[in-house]
Amino acid sequence: MIFTVAIDGPAAAGKGTISKAVAAHFGFAHLDTGLLYRAVGAKVLAGADPLTAAKTLDPTDLENDALRTPEVAQAASQVAVIAEVRSALVDFQRSFAQRIGGAVLDGRDIGTVICPAADAKLFVTASPECRAERRFKELQGKGMDVSAQQVLADVIERDKRDSERATAPLIAAADAQQIDTSDLTIDEAVNAAIAFVQSRLG
């Protein structure tokens, strides 16, 4: 069986958590496509050319713990506006989406560009303030020295860059089910997503 679930949304809305839970519930494979851009961003920070970094990306590059730092997140957002970089990573994502046994992909443009014919599409969002608070607590928990104001500024800057880029901007697909997690618990958000995917499975 080939069944593709596309889950999009802005940073720290909860789409990663929801995607992993949906994949685990249905026994589908999961791909955090943002990691592809983070891996490219990390290579660029280390001195690599963005397009070369994208074309030579290896699955082992996605296993680097350093991919979760704020610096790499910003670098990822910057390389993601480069059309050639996005194009280089499209085939990898589309191939993953067609794997036998079902697949869940989460990112910014899965339902609109990568898999416009996905069997189930979700757009997970939350207010910038809510997302910044979550990201701030996450970074604090990792011992990083950040301020709440800076994290909110980073979230707003990243939203602007993601939604205004010329190639594959962050927008909800017209046929995506929207889930606003601002006032939901993790369990409530996950259950809503699972119920929607189940409805699409028939």
C-alpha atoms as a PDB file:
ATOM      1  CA  MET A   1       0.000   0.000   0.000  1.00  0.00           C
ATOM      2  CA  ILE A   2       1.179   3.502  -0.861  1.00  0.00           C
ATOM      3  CA  PHE A   3      -0.458   6.178   1.314  1.00  0.00           C
ATOM      4  CA  THR A   4       1.093   9.605   1.697  1.00  0.00           C
ATOM      5  CA  VAL A   5       0.434  11.992   4.591  1.00  0.00           C
ATOM      6  CA  ALA A   6       1.657  15.578   4.097  1.00  0.00           C
ATOM      7  CA  ILE A   7       1.976  17.709   7.231  1.00  0.00           C
ATOM      8  CA  ASP A   8       2.992  21.360   6.870  1.00  0.00           C
ATOM      9  CA  GLY A   9       3.236  24.331   9.172  1.00  0.00           C
ATOM     10  CA  PRO A  10       5.517  26.982  10.650  1.00  0.00           C
ATOM     11  CA  ALA A  11       8.351  26.394  13.118  1.00  0.00           C
ATOM     12  CA  ALA A  12       7.435  25.070  16.586  1.00  0.00           C
ATOM     13  CA  ALA A  13       3.737  24.584  15.785  1.00  0.00           C
ATOM     14  CA  GLY A  14       3.981  20.923  16.778  1.00  0.00           C
ATOM     15  CA  LYS A  15       4.029  19.313  13.336  1.00  0.00           C
ATOM     16  CA  GLY A  16       7.133  17.231  14.131  1.00  0.00           C
ATOM     17  CA  THR A  17       5.580  15.749  17.262  1.00  0.00           C
ATOM     18  CA  ILE A  18       2.281  15.148  15.470  1.00  0.00           C
ATOM     19  CA  SER A  19       4.000  13.623  12.423  1.00  0.00           C
ATOM     20  CA  LYS A  20       5.995  11.144  14.510  1.00  0.00           C
ATOM     21  CA  ALA A  21       2.870  10.153  16.455  1.00  0.00           C
ATOM     22  CA  VAL A  22       0.784   9.699  13.282  1.00  0.00           C
ATOM     23  CA  ALA A  23       3.547   7.621  11.676  1.00  0.00           C
ATOM     24  CA  ALA A  24       3.885   5.444  14.773  1.00  0.00           C
ATOM     25  CA  HIS A  25       0.107   4.968  15.081  1.00  0.00           C
ATOM     26  CA  PHE A  26      -0.333   3.755  11.502  1.00  0.00           C
ATOM     27  CA  GLY A  27       3.053   2.080  11.114  1.00  0.00           C
ATOM     28  CA  PHE A  28       4.127   4.523   8.384  1.00  0.00           C
ATOM     29  CA  ALA A  29       7.677   5.700   7.694  1.00  0.00           C
ATOM     30  CA  HIS A  30       8.413   9.296   8.752  1.00  0.00           C
ATOM     31  CA  LEU A  31      10.595  12.004   7.190  1.00  0.00           C
ATOM     32  CA  ASP A  32      11.233  15.366   8.835  1.00  0.00           C
ATOM     33  CA  THR A  33      12.060  17.244   5.632  1.00  0.00           C
ATOM     34  CA  GLY A  34      13.276  20.223   7.647  1.00  0.00           C
ATOM     35  CA  LEU A  35      16.236  18.076   8.647  1.00  0.00           C
ATOM     36  CA  LEU A  36      17.317  18.002   4.993  1.00  0.00           C
ATOM     37  CA  TYR A  37      17.552  21.794   4.989  1.00  0.00           C
ATOM     38  CA  ARG A  38      19.163  21.856   8.425  1.00  0.00           C
ATOM     39  CA  ALA A  39      21.803  19.404   7.192  1.00  0.00           C
ATOM     40  CA  VAL A  40      22.488  21.615   4.172  1.00  0.00           C
ATOM     41  CA  GLY A  41      22.564  24.684   6.427  1.00  0.00           C
ATOM     42  CA  ALA A  42      25.064  22.990   8.754  1.00  0.00           C
ATOM     43  CA  LYS A  43      27.327  22.198   5.796  1.00  0.00           C
ATOM     44  CA  VAL A  44      27.101  25.812   4.620  1.00  0.00           C
ATOM     45  CA  LEU A  45      28.053  27.062   8.092  1.00  0.00           C
ATOM     46  CA  ALA A  46      31.071  24.777   7.818  1.00  0.00           C
ATOM     47  CA  GLY A  47      32.066  26.484   4.563  1.00  0.00           C
ATOM     48  CA  ALA A  48      30.343  24.447   1.868  1.00  0.00           C
ATOM     49  CA  ASP A  49      28.565  25.841  -1.184  1.00  0.00           C
ATOM     50  CA  PRO A  50      24.759  25.536  -0.685  1.00  0.00           C
ATOM     51  CA  LEU A  51      24.005  23.723  -3.951  1.00  0.00           C
ATOM     52  CA  THR A  52      26.979  21.377  -3.596  1.00  0.00           C
ATOM     53  CA  ALA A  53      25.881  20.627  -0.031  1.00  0.00           C
ATOM     54  CA  ALA A  54      22.344  19.782  -1.227  1.00  0.00           C
ATOM     55  CA  LYS A  55      23.503  17.586  -4.105  1.00  0.00           C
ATOM     56  CA  THR A  56      25.923  15.607  -1.924  1.00  0.00           C
ATOM     57  CA  LEU A  57      23.604  15.147   1.060  1.00  0.00           C
ATOM     58  CA  ASP A  58      23.907  11.717   2.651  1.00  0.00           C
ATOM     59  CA  PRO A  59      21.371  10.064   5.007  1.00  0.00           C
ATOM     60  CA  THR A  60      24.066  10.002   7.708  1.00  0.00           C
ATOM     61  CA  ASP A  61      24.155  13.815   7.557  1.00  0.00           C
ATOM     62  CA  LEU A  62      20.682  13.783   9.152  1.00  0.00           C
ATOM     63  CA  GLU A  63      21.945  12.072  12.315  1.00  0.00           C
ATOM     64  CA  ASN A  64      23.950  15.052  13.564  1.00  0.00           C
ATOM     65  CA  ASP A  65      22.818  16.341  16.999  1.00  0.00           C
ATOM     66  CA  ALA A  66      24.053  19.836  16.086  1.00  0.00           C
ATOM     67  CA  LEU A  67      21.205  20.178  13.555  1.00  0.00           C
ATOM     68  CA  ARG A  68      18.870  21.372  16.336  1.00  0.00           C
ATOM     69  CA  THR A  69      20.752  24.573  17.241  1.00  0.00           C
ATOM     70  CA  PRO A  70      19.278  28.053  16.560  1.00  0.00           C
ATOM     71  CA  GLU A  71      22.243  28.883  14.284  1.00  0.00           C
ATOM     72  CA  VAL A  72      21.585  25.865  12.070  1.00  0.00           C
ATOM     73  CA  ALA A  73      17.837  26.631  12.055  1.00  0.00           C
ATOM     74  CA  GLN A  74      18.521  30.123  10.706  1.00  0.00           C
ATOM     75  CA  ALA A  75      21.013  28.759   8.148  1.00  0.00           C
ATOM     76  CA  ALA A  76      18.413  26.192   7.056  1.00  0.00           C
ATOM     77  CA  SER A  77      15.824  28.915   6.503  1.00  0.00           C
ATOM     78  CA  GLN A  78      18.354  30.920   4.480  1.00  0.00           C
ATOM     79  CA  VAL A  79      19.351  28.051   2.164  1.00  0.00           C
ATOM     80  CA  ALA A  80      15.688  27.074   1.787  1.00  0.00           C
ATOM     81  CA  VAL A  81      15.004  30.247  -0.224  1.00  0.00           C
ATOM     82  CA  ILE A  82      17.506  29.105  -2.889  1.00  0.00           C
ATOM     83  CA  ALA A  83      15.457  27.536  -5.705  1.00  0.00           C
ATOM     84  CA  GLU A  84      18.318  25.288  -6.868  1.00  0.00           C
ATOM     85  CA  VAL A  85      18.752  23.856  -3.360  1.00  0.00           C
ATOM     86  CA  ARG A  86      15.035  23.068  -3.083  1.00  0.00           C
ATOM     87  CA  SER A  87      15.073  21.435  -6.515  1.00  0.00           C
ATOM     88  CA  ALA A  88      18.034  19.250  -5.538  1.00  0.00           C
ATOM     89  CA  LEU A  89      16.127  17.921  -2.526  1.00  0.00           C
ATOM     90  CA  VAL A  90      12.742  17.374  -4.216  1.00  0.00           C
ATOM     91  CA  ASP A  91      13.513  13.951  -5.727  1.00  0.00           C
ATOM     92  CA  PHE A  92      14.689  12.577  -2.371  1.00  0.00           C
ATOM     93  CA  GLN A  93      11.426  13.650  -0.725  1.00  0.00           C
ATOM     94  CA  ARG A  94       9.113  12.428  -3.500  1.00  0.00           C
ATOM     95  CA  SER A  95      10.818   9.050  -3.566  1.00  0.00           C
ATOM     96  CA  PHE A  96      10.352   8.718   0.191  1.00  0.00           C
ATOM     97  CA  ALA A  97       6.655   9.633  -0.135  1.00  0.00           C
ATOM     98  CA  GLN A  98       6.035   6.745  -2.538  1.00  0.00           C
ATOM     99  CA  ARG A  99       7.514   3.998  -0.389  1.00  0.00           C
ATOM    100  CA  ILE A 100       5.413   0.886   0.169  1.00  0.00           C
ATOM    101  CA  GLY A 101       3.707   0.760   3.554  1.00  0.00           C
ATOM    102  CA  GLY A 102       2.789   4.431   3.883  1.00  0.00           C
ATOM    103  CA  ALA A 103       4.770   7.591   4.583  1.00  0.00           C
ATOM    104  CA  VAL A 104       4.395  10.754   6.640  1.00  0.00           C
ATOM    105  CA  LEU A 105       6.393  13.809   5.529  1.00  0.00           C
ATOM    106  CA  ASP A 106       6.437  17.052   7.462  1.00  0.00           C
ATOM    107  CA  GLY A 107       7.799  20.395   6.314  1.00  0.00           C
ATOM    108  CA  ARG A 108       6.765  23.685   4.747  1.00  0.00           C
ATOM    109  CA  ASP A 109       5.713  22.732   1.205  1.00  0.00           C
ATOM    110  CA  ILE A 110       4.819  19.037   1.296  1.00  0.00           C
ATOM    111  CA  GLY A 111       1.124  19.404   0.514  1.00  0.00           C
ATOM    112  CA  THR A 112       1.607  22.211  -2.005  1.00  0.00           C
ATOM    113  CA  VAL A 113       4.798  21.316  -3.909  1.00  0.00           C
ATOM    114  CA  ILE A 114       6.383  17.997  -2.935  1.00  0.00           C
ATOM    115  CA  CYS A 115       3.226  15.862  -2.737  1.00  0.00           C
ATOM    116  CA  PRO A 116       0.272  17.891  -4.064  1.00  0.00           C
ATOM    117  CA  ALA A 117      -1.639  14.625  -4.575  1.00  0.00           C
ATOM    118  CA  ALA A 118      -1.023  13.372  -1.008  1.00  0.00           C
ATOM    119  CA  ASP A 119      -3.820  11.188   0.361  1.00  0.00           C
ATOM    120  CA  ALA A 120      -4.105  13.239   3.563  1.00  0.00           C
ATOM    121  CA  LYS A 121      -2.932  16.810   4.133  1.00  0.00           C
ATOM    122  CA  LEU A 122      -2.643  18.639   7.430  1.00  0.00           C
ATOM    123  CA  PHE A 123      -1.565  22.196   8.191  1.00  0.00           C
ATOM    124  CA  VAL A 124      -0.454  22.546  11.798  1.00  0.00           C
ATOM    125  CA  THR A 125      -0.176  26.076  13.143  1.00  0.00           C
ATOM    126  CA  ALA A 126      -0.188  28.161  16.349  1.00  0.00           C
ATOM    127  CA  SER A 127       0.274  31.817  17.264  1.00  0.00           C
ATOM    128  CA  PRO A 128       3.840  33.199  17.001  1.00  0.00           C
ATOM    129  CA  GLU A 129       3.845  33.930  20.735  1.00  0.00           C
ATOM    130  CA  CYS A 130       2.809  30.387  21.586  1.00  0.00           C
ATOM    131  CA  ARG A 131       5.402  28.884  19.263  1.00  0.00           C
ATOM    132  CA  ALA A 132       8.158  31.173  20.570  1.00  0.00           C
ATOM    133  CA  GLU A 133       7.359  30.179  24.170  1.00  0.00           C
ATOM    134  CA  ARG A 134       7.610  26.481  23.253  1.00  0.00           C
ATOM    135  CA  ARG A 135      10.905  26.985  21.404  1.00  0.00           C
ATOM    136  CA  PHE A 136      12.290  29.092  24.282  1.00  0.00           C
ATOM    137  CA  LYS A 137      11.532  26.339  26.812  1.00  0.00           C
ATOM    138  CA  GLU A 138      13.021  23.722  24.485  1.00  0.00           C
ATOM    139  CA  LEU A 139      16.263  25.687  24.064  1.00  0.00           C
ATOM    140  CA  GLN A 140      16.435  26.470  27.784  1.00  0.00           C
ATOM    141  CA  GLY A 141      16.044  22.771  28.505  1.00  0.00           C
ATOM    142  CA  LYS A 142      19.100  22.143  26.356  1.00  0.00           C
ATOM    143  CA  GLY A 143      21.091  24.633  28.408  1.00  0.00           C
ATOM    144  CA  MET A 144      21.249  27.286  25.675  1.00  0.00           C
ATOM    145  CA  ASP A 145      21.616  30.933  26.665  1.00  0.00           C
ATOM    146  CA  VAL A 146      18.734  32.628  24.852  1.00  0.00           C
ATOM    147  CA  SER A 147      16.163  35.291  25.712  1.00  0.00           C
ATOM    148  CA  ALA A 148      12.425  34.947  25.201  1.00  0.00           C
ATOM    149  CA  GLN A 149      12.428  38.200  23.192  1.00  0.00           C
ATOM    150  CA  GLN A 150      15.147  36.945  20.847  1.00  0.00           C
ATOM    151  CA  VAL A 151      13.380  33.627  20.281  1.00  0.00           C
ATOM    152  CA  LEU A 152      10.128  35.454  19.400  1.00  0.00           C
ATOM    153  CA  ALA A 153      12.038  37.745  17.019  1.00  0.00           C
ATOM    154  CA  ASP A 154      13.639  34.686  15.381  1.00  0.00           C
ATOM    155  CA  VAL A 155      10.242  32.982  14.974  1.00  0.00           C
ATOM    156  CA  ILE A 156       8.697  36.077  13.375  1.00  0.00           C
ATOM    157  CA  GLU A 157      11.724  36.564  11.079  1.00  0.00           C
ATOM    158  CA  ARG A 158      11.637  32.936  10.013  1.00  0.00           C
ATOM    159  CA  ASP A 159       7.869  33.036   9.362  1.00  0.00           C
ATOM    160  CA  LYS A 160       8.362  36.090   7.150  1.00  0.00           C
ATOM    161  CA  ARG A 161      11.191  34.483   5.178  1.00  0.00           C
ATOM    162  CA  ASP A 162       9.353  31.153   4.805  1.00  0.00           C
ATOM    163  CA  SER A 163       6.059  32.708   3.686  1.00  0.00           C
ATOM    164  CA  GLU A 164       7.522  35.352   1.374  1.00  0.00           C
ATOM    165  CA  ARG A 165      10.121  33.304  -0.508  1.00  0.00           C
ATOM    166  CA  ALA A 166       9.558  33.080  -4.264  1.00  0.00           C
ATOM    167  CA  THR A 167       9.928  29.300  -4.464  1.00  0.00           C
ATOM    168  CA  ALA A 168       7.549  27.055  -2.495  1.00  0.00           C
ATOM    169  CA  PRO A 169       6.405  29.566   0.135  1.00  0.00           C
ATOM    170  CA  LEU A 170       4.847  28.368   3.379  1.00  0.00           C
ATOM    171  CA  ILE A 171       1.089  28.284   2.745  1.00  0.00           C
ATOM    172  CA  ALA A 172      -1.666  25.844   3.617  1.00  0.00           C
ATOM    173  CA  ALA A 173      -2.840  23.649   0.737  1.00  0.00           C
ATOM    174  CA  ALA A 174      -6.432  24.427  -0.202  1.00  0.00           C
ATOM    175  CA  ASP A 175      -7.486  20.880   0.731  1.00  0.00           C
ATOM    176  CA  ALA A 176      -5.478  20.630   3.971  1.00  0.00           C
ATOM    177  CA  GLN A 177      -7.140  20.053   7.329  1.00  0.00           C
ATOM    178  CA  GLN A 178      -5.969  22.838   9.651  1.00  0.00           C
ATOM    179  CA  ILE A 179      -5.092  22.163  13.282  1.00  0.00           C
ATOM    180  CA  ASP A 180      -4.328  25.169  15.496  1.00  0.00           C
ATOM    181  CA  THR A 181      -2.366  23.845  18.471  1.00  0.00           C
ATOM    182  CA  SER A 182      -2.263  27.156  20.403  1.00  0.00           C
ATOM    183  CA  ASP A 183      -4.787  25.948  22.985  1.00  0.00           C
ATOM    184  CA  LEU A 184      -4.510  22.176  22.509  1.00  0.00           C
ATOM    185  CA  THR A 185      -2.588  19.639  24.568  1.00  0.00           C
ATOM    186  CA  ILE A 186      -0.189  17.385  22.666  1.00  0.00           C
ATOM    187  CA  ASP A 187      -2.627  14.476  23.027  1.00  0.00           C
ATOM    188  CA  GLU A 188      -5.551  16.542  21.711  1.00  0.00           C
ATOM    189  CA  ALA A 189      -3.558  17.683  18.669  1.00  0.00           C
ATOM    190  CA  VAL A 190      -2.285  14.169  17.951  1.00  0.00           C
ATOM    191  CA  ASN A 191      -5.746  12.644  18.312  1.00  0.00           C
ATOM    192  CA  ALA A 192      -7.222  15.222  15.913  1.00  0.00           C
ATOM    193  CA  ALA A 193      -4.542  14.421  13.340  1.00  0.00           C
ATOM    194  CA  ILE A 194      -4.973  10.643  13.704  1.00  0.00           C
ATOM    195  CA  ALA A 195      -8.762  10.949  13.364  1.00  0.00           C
ATOM    196  CA  PHE A 196      -8.373  12.958  10.147  1.00  0.00           C
ATOM    197  CA  VAL A 197      -5.854  10.534   8.614  1.00  0.00           C
ATOM    198  CA  GLN A 198      -8.107   7.613   9.589  1.00  0.00           C
ATOM    199  CA  SER A 199     -11.011   9.301   7.811  1.00  0.00           C
ATOM    200  CA  ARG A 200      -8.894   9.557   4.650  1.00  0.00           C
ATOM    201  CA  LEU A 201      -7.859   5.916   4.918  1.00  0.00           C
ATOM    202  CA  GLY A 202     -11.551   5.086   4.852  1.00  0.00           C
END
